[in-house]
């Protein structure tokens, strides 16, 4: 593939394909060129592709942030993900308390 295709363009394309399939599959089924079960399965696959691409698009900043980390840091996050998340939440709570003037007394 010589040209990069953006995530937005990929979502647009799969939506176009889904729209086109909804328009052409009924006629193909009626003419006996396509079984209804195959049409349903293909639409299900196309819609799953769209859901995945939309999830990637919504998570793009987090994914890029993770990939920008040094490899050893990424390995630590993968190995200790739940602990890292808990520590990050505790740190965020402490920082919020400090900004608010410290813990309530």
Protein backbone atom coordinates (compact mmCIF):
# COMPACT_ATOMS: atom_id res chain seq x y z
CA UNK A 1 0.00 0.00 0.00
CA UNK A 2 1.65 3.20 -1.12
CA UNK A 3 -0.64 5.80 0.44
CA UNK A 4 -1.66 6.03 4.10
CA UNK A 5 -5.37 5.96 4.75
CA UNK A 6 -6.43 7.81 7.89
CA UNK A 7 -8.64 6.21 10.51
CA UNK A 8 -11.41 8.68 9.65
CA UNK A 9 -11.18 7.68 5.99
CA UNK A 10 -11.33 4.00 6.95
CA UNK A 11 -14.49 4.59 8.99
CA UNK A 12 -16.02 6.55 6.11
CA UNK A 13 -15.21 3.73 3.70
CA UNK A 14 -16.67 0.93 5.81
CA UNK A 15 -19.81 3.03 6.36
CA UNK A 16 -20.05 3.45 2.57
CA UNK A 17 -19.64 -0.30 2.09
CA UNK A 18 -22.30 -1.06 4.70
CA UNK A 19 -24.70 1.40 3.06
CA UNK A 20 -23.99 -0.11 -0.35
CA UNK A 21 -24.47 -3.64 0.96
CA UNK A 22 -27.84 -2.74 2.47
CA UNK A 23 -28.82 -1.50 -0.99
CA UNK A 24 -27.53 -4.38 -3.09
CA UNK A 25 -27.87 -7.49 -0.93
CA UNK A 26 -31.69 -7.66 -0.98
CA UNK A 27 -31.72 -7.74 -4.79
CA UNK A 28 -28.96 -10.34 -4.91
CA UNK A 29 -30.87 -12.48 -2.42
CA UNK A 30 -34.10 -12.08 -4.44
CA UNK A 31 -32.32 -13.14 -7.65
CA UNK A 32 -30.75 -16.14 -5.93
CA UNK A 33 -27.21 -14.79 -6.34
CA UNK A 34 -26.67 -14.58 -2.57
CA UNK A 35 -28.13 -16.57 0.29
CA UNK A 36 -29.78 -14.52 3.04
CA UNK A 37 -27.60 -16.18 5.68
CA UNK A 38 -24.45 -15.13 3.79
CA UNK A 39 -25.74 -11.56 3.36
CA UNK A 40 -26.52 -11.36 7.08
CA UNK A 41 -23.10 -12.74 7.97
CA UNK A 42 -21.28 -10.32 5.67
CA UNK A 43 -23.21 -7.35 7.07
CA UNK A 44 -22.42 -8.53 10.60
CA UNK A 45 -18.71 -8.63 9.72
CA UNK A 46 -18.82 -5.19 8.09
CA UNK A 47 -20.56 -3.71 11.13
CA UNK A 48 -17.99 -5.34 13.44
CA UNK A 49 -15.21 -3.72 11.40
CA UNK A 50 -16.93 -0.36 11.82
CA UNK A 51 -17.29 -0.82 15.59
CA UNK A 52 -13.61 -1.73 15.89
CA UNK A 53 -12.46 1.23 13.81
CA UNK A 54 -14.69 3.61 15.78
CA UNK A 55 -13.28 2.24 19.05
CA UNK A 56 -9.75 2.76 17.74
CA UNK A 57 -10.62 6.30 16.68
CA UNK A 58 -12.04 7.06 20.12
CA UNK A 59 -8.99 5.55 21.84
CA UNK A 60 -6.37 6.92 19.48
CA UNK A 61 -4.84 9.45 21.91
CA UNK A 62 -4.45 6.83 24.65
CA UNK A 63 -2.98 4.28 22.26
CA UNK A 64 -0.50 6.80 20.83
CA UNK A 65 0.44 7.87 24.36
CA UNK A 66 1.07 4.27 25.36
CA UNK A 67 3.13 3.59 22.23
CA UNK A 68 5.19 6.73 22.84
CA UNK A 69 6.38 5.28 26.15
CA UNK A 70 9.79 3.57 26.25
CA UNK A 71 9.50 -0.19 25.68
CA UNK A 72 10.47 -1.06 29.26
CA UNK A 73 7.75 1.23 30.61
CA UNK A 74 5.16 -0.34 28.29
CA UNK A 75 6.21 -3.79 29.49
CA UNK A 76 5.78 -2.69 33.11
CA UNK A 77 2.32 -1.32 32.41
CA UNK A 78 1.33 -4.56 30.70
CA UNK A 79 2.75 -6.71 33.51
CA UNK A 80 1.36 -4.60 36.34
CA UNK A 81 -1.61 -2.87 34.70
CA UNK A 82 -4.07 -3.07 37.60
CA UNK A 83 -1.49 -1.93 40.14
CA UNK A 84 -0.34 0.91 37.88
CA UNK A 85 -3.95 2.05 37.45
CA UNK A 86 -4.56 1.96 41.20
CA UNK A 87 -1.37 3.93 41.91
CA UNK A 88 -2.25 6.49 39.24
CA UNK A 89 -5.71 6.97 40.77
CA UNK A 90 -4.23 7.41 44.25
CA UNK A 91 -1.69 9.91 42.94
CA UNK A 92 -4.42 11.86 41.13
CA UNK A 93 -6.49 11.97 44.33
CA UNK A 94 -3.49 13.24 46.32
CA UNK A 95 -2.72 15.89 43.71
CA UNK A 96 -6.36 17.03 43.71
CA UNK A 97 -6.35 17.23 47.53
CA UNK A 98 -3.10 19.21 47.50
CA UNK A 99 -4.50 21.68 44.96
CA UNK A 100 -7.60 22.08 47.10
CA UNK A 101 -5.50 23.06 50.13
CA UNK A 102 -4.66 19.67 51.54
CA UNK A 103 -6.76 16.98 53.15
CA UNK A 104 -9.78 18.05 55.19
CA UNK A 105 -9.17 18.21 58.93
